[in-house]
Amino acid sequence: MSIDHKDLNENGYLNPRRAWNEALAAQLAQLLGIGPLSDRHLAVLEVLRRHHDQSRAIPPATHVCHEAGLEASCIDELFGGPANAWKTAGLPDPGEEARIYLENQTHDR
């Protein structure tokens, strides 16, 4: 099943009613210009989804990379930043303040 624009909110986040899976993640990655998902991408997405399920909070990017067993800048390198990783993970729109945080968080800062 392919993604329809009705499946995304006005900020590009997956609407909560849509079930997420790896095939859907691949479609989201394509829409975001990330390219094909590797095992490294999937490891990051798994950590993000698990962390969200446990705490509903946005973890620091370097923490996600460490937990996935990858270099500290993995989210920037693989997804172009935390906002794209969050979207590809199919996680809900975190709200305006958290979106700003996601869009401005990078390994270099």
N, C-alpha and C. Protein backbone atom coordinates (compact mmCIF):
# COMPACT_ATOMS: atom_id res chain seq x y z
N MET A 1 0.85 -1.18 0.00
CA MET A 1 0.00 0.00 0.00
C MET A 1 0.89 1.24 0.00
N SER A 2 0.59 2.17 -0.87
CA SER A 2 1.43 3.36 -0.97
C SER A 2 0.88 4.50 -0.11
N ILE A 3 1.76 5.44 0.14
CA ILE A 3 1.41 6.59 0.97
C ILE A 3 0.58 7.58 0.15
N ASP A 4 -0.47 8.03 0.74
CA ASP A 4 -1.33 9.05 0.16
C ASP A 4 -1.09 10.32 0.98
N HIS A 5 -1.24 11.46 0.36
CA HIS A 5 -1.01 12.72 1.09
C HIS A 5 -1.92 12.84 2.31
N LYS A 6 -3.04 12.14 2.31
CA LYS A 6 -3.93 12.15 3.48
C LYS A 6 -3.30 11.42 4.65
N ASP A 7 -2.28 10.60 4.37
CA ASP A 7 -1.60 9.86 5.43
C ASP A 7 -0.61 10.72 6.20
N LEU A 8 -0.29 11.90 5.66
CA LEU A 8 0.67 12.80 6.29
C LEU A 8 -0.02 14.08 6.73
N ASN A 9 0.42 14.63 7.85
CA ASN A 9 -0.16 15.90 8.26
C ASN A 9 0.52 17.04 7.51
N GLU A 10 0.15 18.27 7.82
CA GLU A 10 0.68 19.43 7.10
C GLU A 10 2.18 19.63 7.29
N ASN A 11 2.77 18.98 8.29
CA ASN A 11 4.21 19.09 8.54
C ASN A 11 4.99 17.87 8.04
N GLY A 12 4.30 16.95 7.37
CA GLY A 12 4.97 15.79 6.80
C GLY A 12 5.12 14.60 7.73
N TYR A 13 4.44 14.63 8.87
CA TYR A 13 4.50 13.51 9.81
C TYR A 13 3.35 12.57 9.55
N LEU A 14 3.60 11.28 9.73
CA LEU A 14 2.59 10.26 9.50
C LEU A 14 1.44 10.44 10.48
N ASN A 15 0.23 10.41 9.97
CA ASN A 15 -0.93 10.50 10.84
C ASN A 15 -0.99 9.26 11.72
N PRO A 16 -1.41 9.41 12.96
CA PRO A 16 -1.40 8.30 13.91
C PRO A 16 -2.21 7.08 13.48
N ARG A 17 -3.21 7.27 12.68
CA ARG A 17 -4.06 6.14 12.31
C ARG A 17 -3.39 5.16 11.36
N ARG A 18 -2.30 5.56 10.76
CA ARG A 18 -1.62 4.73 9.76
C ARG A 18 -0.64 3.78 10.44
N ALA A 19 -0.76 2.49 10.16
CA ALA A 19 0.16 1.49 10.73
C ALA A 19 1.52 1.59 10.05
N TRP A 20 2.58 1.57 10.85
CA TRP A 20 3.94 1.69 10.34
C TRP A 20 4.55 0.31 10.17
N ASN A 21 5.34 0.13 9.12
CA ASN A 21 6.14 -1.07 8.92
C ASN A 21 7.35 -0.68 8.07
N GLU A 22 8.24 -1.62 7.81
CA GLU A 22 9.46 -1.31 7.06
C GLU A 22 9.15 -0.87 5.63
N ALA A 23 8.12 -1.45 5.02
CA ALA A 23 7.76 -1.05 3.65
C ALA A 23 7.29 0.40 3.64
N LEU A 24 6.52 0.78 4.63
CA LEU A 24 6.06 2.16 4.73
C LEU A 24 7.25 3.09 5.01
N ALA A 25 8.18 2.65 5.84
CA ALA A 25 9.38 3.44 6.11
C ALA A 25 10.16 3.68 4.82
N ALA A 26 10.25 2.66 3.98
CA ALA A 26 10.96 2.81 2.70
C ALA A 26 10.27 3.85 1.82
N GLN A 27 8.95 3.88 1.83
CA GLN A 27 8.20 4.88 1.06
C GLN A 27 8.43 6.28 1.62
N LEU A 28 8.39 6.39 2.94
CA LEU A 28 8.64 7.68 3.58
C LEU A 28 10.05 8.17 3.26
N ALA A 29 11.02 7.26 3.32
CA ALA A 29 12.41 7.63 3.00
C ALA A 29 12.52 8.12 1.57
N GLN A 30 11.82 7.48 0.67
CA GLN A 30 11.85 7.91 -0.73
C GLN A 30 11.25 9.31 -0.86
N LEU A 31 10.12 9.56 -0.20
CA LEU A 31 9.50 10.89 -0.24
C LEU A 31 10.43 11.97 0.31
N LEU A 32 11.22 11.62 1.31
CA LEU A 32 12.12 12.57 1.96
C LEU A 32 13.47 12.68 1.26
N GLY A 33 13.68 11.89 0.22
CA GLY A 33 14.93 11.94 -0.52
C GLY A 33 16.09 11.25 0.18
N ILE A 34 15.79 10.33 1.07
CA ILE A 34 16.82 9.62 1.83
C ILE A 34 17.43 8.49 1.01
N GLY A 35 16.63 7.88 0.18
CA GLY A 35 17.12 6.75 -0.62
C GLY A 35 16.77 5.43 0.02
N PRO A 36 17.30 4.35 -0.52
CA PRO A 36 16.99 3.01 0.02
C PRO A 36 17.45 2.88 1.47
N LEU A 37 16.67 2.17 2.26
CA LEU A 37 17.01 1.98 3.66
C LEU A 37 17.94 0.77 3.82
N SER A 38 19.02 0.99 4.55
CA SER A 38 19.98 -0.08 4.84
C SER A 38 19.70 -0.63 6.24
N ASP A 39 20.45 -1.64 6.63
CA ASP A 39 20.34 -2.16 7.99
C ASP A 39 20.68 -1.09 9.02
N ARG A 40 21.58 -0.19 8.67
CA ARG A 40 21.94 0.91 9.57
C ARG A 40 20.75 1.85 9.78
N HIS A 41 20.06 2.19 8.70
CA HIS A 41 18.85 3.02 8.81
C HIS A 41 17.83 2.34 9.72
N LEU A 42 17.60 1.05 9.46
CA LEU A 42 16.58 0.32 10.22
C LEU A 42 16.94 0.22 11.69
N ALA A 43 18.24 0.11 12.01
CA ALA A 43 18.66 0.07 13.42
C ALA A 43 18.31 1.38 14.12
N VAL A 44 18.54 2.49 13.44
CA VAL A 44 18.21 3.81 14.00
C VAL A 44 16.69 3.92 14.20
N LEU A 45 15.93 3.51 13.20
CA LEU A 45 14.47 3.60 13.29
C LEU A 45 13.94 2.75 14.44
N GLU A 46 14.52 1.58 14.63
CA GLU A 46 14.10 0.71 15.73
C GLU A 46 14.35 1.38 17.08
N VAL A 47 15.52 1.99 17.24
CA VAL A 47 15.84 2.68 18.49
C VAL A 47 14.87 3.85 18.71
N LEU A 48 14.63 4.65 17.69
CA LEU A 48 13.70 5.78 17.82
C LEU A 48 12.31 5.32 18.23
N ARG A 49 11.82 4.28 17.57
CA ARG A 49 10.47 3.79 17.87
C ARG A 49 10.39 3.21 19.28
N ARG A 50 11.42 2.46 19.67
CA ARG A 50 11.43 1.88 21.02
C ARG A 50 11.47 3.00 22.07
N HIS A 51 12.34 3.99 21.85
CA HIS A 51 12.44 5.09 22.81
C HIS A 51 11.12 5.84 22.90
N HIS A 52 10.48 6.07 21.76
CA HIS A 52 9.19 6.77 21.77
C HIS A 52 8.14 5.95 22.51
N ASP A 53 8.11 4.64 22.29
CA ASP A 53 7.15 3.78 22.99
C ASP A 53 7.35 3.82 24.50
N GLN A 54 8.61 3.94 24.93
CA GLN A 54 8.92 3.91 26.36
C GLN A 54 8.73 5.26 27.04
N SER A 55 9.07 6.35 26.35
CA SER A 55 9.09 7.63 27.06
C SER A 55 8.31 8.77 26.40
N ARG A 56 7.94 8.59 25.15
CA ARG A 56 7.24 9.64 24.38
C ARG A 56 8.09 10.91 24.24
N ALA A 57 9.38 10.81 24.52
CA ALA A 57 10.28 11.96 24.43
C ALA A 57 11.22 11.80 23.24
N ILE A 58 11.83 12.91 22.85
CA ILE A 58 12.80 12.90 21.75
C ILE A 58 14.18 12.69 22.35
N PRO A 59 14.83 11.57 22.02
CA PRO A 59 16.16 11.34 22.56
C PRO A 59 17.21 12.13 21.79
N PRO A 60 18.33 12.46 22.43
CA PRO A 60 19.41 13.12 21.69
C PRO A 60 19.90 12.21 20.55
N ALA A 61 20.21 12.82 19.42
CA ALA A 61 20.63 12.05 18.24
C ALA A 61 21.84 11.17 18.55
N THR A 62 22.80 11.70 19.29
CA THR A 62 24.00 10.91 19.58
C THR A 62 23.66 9.68 20.43
N HIS A 63 22.67 9.80 21.31
CA HIS A 63 22.23 8.67 22.13
C HIS A 63 21.63 7.58 21.24
N VAL A 64 20.81 7.99 20.28
CA VAL A 64 20.19 7.04 19.35
C VAL A 64 21.27 6.30 18.58
N CYS A 65 22.24 7.04 18.06
CA CYS A 65 23.33 6.43 17.29
C CYS A 65 24.12 5.44 18.14
N HIS A 66 24.44 5.85 19.37
CA HIS A 66 25.18 4.97 20.27
C HIS A 66 24.40 3.69 20.53
N GLU A 67 23.11 3.83 20.84
CA GLU A 67 22.28 2.67 21.13
C GLU A 67 22.14 1.75 19.92
N ALA A 68 22.20 2.33 18.72
CA ALA A 68 22.12 1.53 17.49
C ALA A 68 23.47 0.93 17.11
N GLY A 69 24.53 1.27 17.88
CA GLY A 69 25.86 0.75 17.60
C GLY A 69 26.55 1.44 16.43
N LEU A 70 26.19 2.71 16.21
CA LEU A 70 26.73 3.46 15.07
C LEU A 70 27.49 4.69 15.54
N GLU A 71 28.18 5.35 14.61
CA GLU A 71 28.94 6.56 14.93
C GLU A 71 27.98 7.67 15.37
N ALA A 72 28.51 8.61 16.15
CA ALA A 72 27.69 9.64 16.78
C ALA A 72 26.93 10.52 15.79
N SER A 73 27.40 10.64 14.58
CA SER A 73 26.75 11.49 13.59
C SER A 73 25.84 10.71 12.64
N CYS A 74 25.45 9.50 13.02
CA CYS A 74 24.71 8.62 12.10
C CYS A 74 23.40 9.21 11.61
N ILE A 75 22.68 9.92 12.45
CA ILE A 75 21.38 10.45 12.03
C ILE A 75 21.55 11.51 10.95
N ASP A 76 22.54 12.37 11.12
CA ASP A 76 22.80 13.37 10.08
C ASP A 76 23.24 12.69 8.79
N GLU A 77 24.12 11.72 8.90
CA GLU A 77 24.65 11.03 7.71
C GLU A 77 23.59 10.20 7.00
N LEU A 78 22.77 9.48 7.75
CA LEU A 78 21.80 8.56 7.15
C LEU A 78 20.49 9.24 6.74
N PHE A 79 20.04 10.22 7.53
CA PHE A 79 18.72 10.80 7.31
C PHE A 79 18.75 12.29 6.97
N GLY A 80 19.90 12.92 7.08
CA GLY A 80 19.96 14.36 6.86
C GLY A 80 19.49 15.16 8.05
N GLY A 81 19.32 14.50 9.19
CA GLY A 81 18.92 15.17 10.42
C GLY A 81 17.82 14.42 11.16
N PRO A 82 17.63 14.78 12.43
CA PRO A 82 16.66 14.10 13.28
C PRO A 82 15.21 14.20 12.81
N ALA A 83 14.81 15.31 12.21
CA ALA A 83 13.41 15.44 11.77
C ALA A 83 13.08 14.38 10.73
N ASN A 84 13.97 14.16 9.77
CA ASN A 84 13.73 13.14 8.75
C ASN A 84 13.74 11.74 9.35
N ALA A 85 14.61 11.50 10.33
CA ALA A 85 14.63 10.19 10.99
C ALA A 85 13.31 9.95 11.72
N TRP A 86 12.82 10.97 12.42
CA TRP A 86 11.56 10.88 13.17
C TRP A 86 10.41 10.59 12.21
N LYS A 87 10.38 11.30 11.09
CA LYS A 87 9.32 11.10 10.10
C LYS A 87 9.39 9.70 9.49
N THR A 88 10.60 9.25 9.16
CA THR A 88 10.76 7.93 8.56
C THR A 88 10.38 6.83 9.54
N ALA A 89 10.58 7.07 10.83
CA ALA A 89 10.19 6.11 11.86
C ALA A 89 8.68 6.05 12.03
N GLY A 90 7.96 6.95 11.35
CA GLY A 90 6.50 6.94 11.43
C GLY A 90 5.97 7.45 12.75
N LEU A 91 6.78 8.21 13.45
CA LEU A 91 6.36 8.72 14.76
C LEU A 91 5.49 9.96 14.57
N PRO A 92 4.59 10.20 15.52
CA PRO A 92 3.65 11.31 15.36
C PRO A 92 4.31 12.68 15.42
N ASP A 93 3.62 13.64 14.88
CA ASP A 93 4.07 15.03 14.94
C ASP A 93 4.25 15.37 16.42
N PRO A 94 5.46 15.77 16.82
CA PRO A 94 5.72 16.01 18.24
C PRO A 94 5.26 17.37 18.75
N GLY A 95 4.72 18.21 17.88
CA GLY A 95 4.30 19.54 18.28
C GLY A 95 5.31 20.58 17.86
N GLU A 96 4.88 21.82 17.86
CA GLU A 96 5.70 22.90 17.30
C GLU A 96 7.07 23.04 17.95
N GLU A 97 7.12 23.10 19.27
CA GLU A 97 8.39 23.29 19.95
C GLU A 97 9.35 22.13 19.69
N ALA A 98 8.85 20.91 19.74
CA ALA A 98 9.69 19.74 19.49
C ALA A 98 10.11 19.66 18.02
N ARG A 99 9.25 20.08 17.11
CA ARG A 99 9.63 20.11 15.68
C ARG A 99 10.81 21.04 15.47
N ILE A 100 10.78 22.20 16.12
CA ILE A 100 11.89 23.15 16.00
C ILE A 100 13.16 22.51 16.55
N TYR A 101 13.05 21.82 17.66
CA TYR A 101 14.20 21.13 18.24
C TYR A 101 14.74 20.09 17.26
N LEU A 102 13.86 19.27 16.69
CA LEU A 102 14.29 18.23 15.74
C LEU A 102 14.95 18.83 14.51
N GLU A 103 14.40 19.92 14.03
CA GLU A 103 14.92 20.52 12.81
C GLU A 103 16.26 21.22 13.03
N ASN A 104 16.58 21.57 14.27
CA ASN A 104 17.81 22.30 14.55
C ASN A 104 18.87 21.48 15.27
N GLN A 105 18.55 20.25 15.62
CA GLN A 105 19.49 19.40 16.33
C GLN A 105 20.41 18.70 15.32
N THR A 106 21.70 18.88 15.48
CA THR A 106 22.68 18.15 14.67
C THR A 106 23.82 17.71 15.57
N HIS A 107 24.59 16.78 15.08
CA HIS A 107 25.73 16.26 15.85
C HIS A 107 26.76 17.35 16.11
N ASP A 108 26.90 18.30 15.20
CA ASP A 108 27.93 19.33 15.31
C ASP A 108 27.64 20.37 16.39
N ARG A 109 26.40 20.44 16.86
CA ARG A 109 26.05 21.52 17.80
C ARG A 109 26.18 21.11 19.23
